[in-house]
Amino acid sequence: MKYLGLISIIFLAGCQSIPSFCESEPDSNLCNQKTYQYNTDQALEEFASRKSNKAFALGQTSDGSEFYGYGEGYSSTYKAKAAALEACQTRLDKHGVEGKCELIR
């Protein structure tokens, strides 16, 4: 029993949050908010007002098109990130364009 607290601390230390794409690659074009299209800017404004456990994914194609997806209100940030990536990738696939979605928020 006396080691139960220590095990909890070790477990929680291993659960550090994974940085978003823009935290690890801040110089990427995907992270330059000055270049975002109007619809992406509007979605980010709406996203900012959402509650906790949220994530925003963005994908840009070679022709400059942007596709996004976000998740919010999930029981964990991990689930919100998965939902955001899935929503973004679904939009890319729906339009038949190649691109990769990254978590930017």
Protein backbone atom coordinates (compact mmCIF):
# COMPACT_ATOMS: atom_id res chain seq x y z
CA MET A 1 0.00 0.00 0.00
CA LYS A 2 2.79 2.42 0.76
CA TYR A 3 3.95 2.25 -2.89
CA LEU A 4 0.55 2.99 -4.35
CA GLY A 5 1.14 6.75 -4.20
CA LEU A 6 4.53 6.39 -5.86
CA ILE A 7 3.07 4.28 -8.66
CA SER A 8 0.40 6.93 -9.25
CA ILE A 9 3.04 9.66 -9.52
CA ILE A 10 5.10 7.62 -11.98
CA PHE A 11 2.00 6.85 -14.05
CA LEU A 12 0.92 10.48 -14.17
CA ALA A 13 4.42 11.62 -15.10
CA GLY A 14 4.25 9.36 -18.14
CA CYS A 15 0.95 10.96 -19.22
CA GLN A 16 2.44 14.30 -20.12
CA SER A 17 0.61 15.88 -22.97
CA ILE A 18 2.06 15.49 -26.43
CA PRO A 19 2.79 18.90 -27.92
CA SER A 20 0.65 20.09 -30.81
CA PHE A 21 2.21 20.30 -34.26
CA CYS A 22 2.59 24.07 -33.91
CA GLU A 23 4.31 23.71 -30.54
CA SER A 24 6.88 21.36 -32.05
CA GLU A 25 7.08 23.01 -35.51
CA PRO A 26 6.26 26.70 -34.92
CA ASP A 27 7.88 27.86 -38.19
CA SER A 28 5.70 25.65 -40.38
CA ASN A 29 3.36 27.38 -42.85
CA LEU A 30 0.57 25.40 -41.22
CA CYS A 31 1.15 27.39 -38.03
CA ASN A 32 1.25 30.87 -39.58
CA GLN A 33 -2.16 32.24 -38.67
CA LYS A 34 -1.58 35.30 -40.88
CA THR A 35 -1.98 33.07 -43.94
CA TYR A 36 -5.16 31.27 -42.85
CA GLN A 37 -8.22 31.55 -45.03
CA TYR A 38 -11.24 33.43 -43.75
CA ASN A 39 -13.22 30.26 -42.96
CA THR A 40 -10.34 28.86 -40.92
CA ASP A 41 -10.04 32.12 -38.97
CA GLN A 42 -13.78 32.04 -38.22
CA ALA A 43 -13.59 28.41 -37.09
CA LEU A 44 -10.64 29.22 -34.80
CA GLU A 45 -12.60 32.10 -33.24
CA GLU A 46 -15.54 29.80 -32.56
CA PHE A 47 -13.17 27.10 -31.28
CA ALA A 48 -11.60 29.53 -28.78
CA SER A 49 -14.96 29.96 -27.06
CA ARG A 50 -15.49 26.21 -26.62
CA LYS A 51 -15.15 24.43 -23.31
CA SER A 52 -12.28 22.25 -22.12
CA ASN A 53 -11.02 19.00 -23.61
CA LYS A 54 -10.84 20.40 -27.08
CA ALA A 55 -8.52 20.15 -30.09
CA PHE A 56 -8.28 21.73 -33.55
CA ALA A 57 -6.71 20.07 -36.58
CA LEU A 58 -5.80 21.78 -39.84
CA GLY A 59 -4.71 20.43 -43.19
CA GLN A 60 -3.41 22.44 -46.13
CA THR A 61 -3.17 21.12 -49.67
CA SER A 62 -0.51 21.95 -52.25
CA ASP A 63 -2.92 24.40 -53.98
CA GLY A 64 -3.47 26.32 -50.73
CA SER A 65 -6.86 24.92 -49.77
CA GLU A 66 -7.46 24.45 -46.05
CA PHE A 67 -9.51 21.82 -44.29
CA TYR A 68 -10.09 21.73 -40.56
CA GLY A 69 -11.86 19.74 -37.91
CA TYR A 70 -12.24 20.11 -34.20
CA GLY A 71 -13.43 18.17 -31.23
CA GLU A 72 -14.67 19.61 -27.95
CA GLY A 73 -16.43 18.55 -24.80
CA TYR A 74 -14.97 15.05 -24.74
CA SER A 75 -14.13 13.19 -21.55
CA SER A 76 -10.42 13.63 -22.31
CA THR A 77 -8.16 15.77 -24.45
CA TYR A 78 -6.91 12.59 -26.10
CA LYS A 79 -10.43 11.84 -27.39
CA ALA A 80 -10.88 15.44 -28.56
CA LYS A 81 -7.60 15.24 -30.50
CA ALA A 82 -8.65 11.99 -32.16
CA ALA A 83 -12.03 13.49 -33.10
CA ALA A 84 -10.42 16.64 -34.52
CA LEU A 85 -7.99 14.67 -36.67
CA GLU A 86 -10.76 12.37 -37.89
CA ALA A 87 -13.07 15.27 -38.78
CA CYS A 88 -10.29 17.05 -40.66
CA GLN A 89 -9.21 13.94 -42.54
CA THR A 90 -12.83 13.15 -43.43
CA ARG A 91 -13.15 16.57 -45.05
CA LEU A 92 -9.94 16.07 -47.02
CA ASP A 93 -11.09 12.66 -48.20
CA LYS A 94 -14.59 13.92 -49.07
CA HIS A 95 -13.11 16.48 -51.44
CA GLY A 96 -10.70 13.97 -52.94
CA VAL A 97 -7.58 15.96 -52.21
CA GLU A 98 -4.31 14.83 -50.74
CA GLY A 99 -3.11 16.45 -47.60
CA LYS A 100 -2.31 15.70 -44.01
CA CYS A 101 -4.11 17.08 -40.99
CA GLU A 102 -2.10 18.18 -37.97
CA LEU A 103 -3.20 19.23 -34.50
CA ILE A 104 -2.53 22.94 -34.22
CA ARG A 105 -4.46 23.71 -31.01
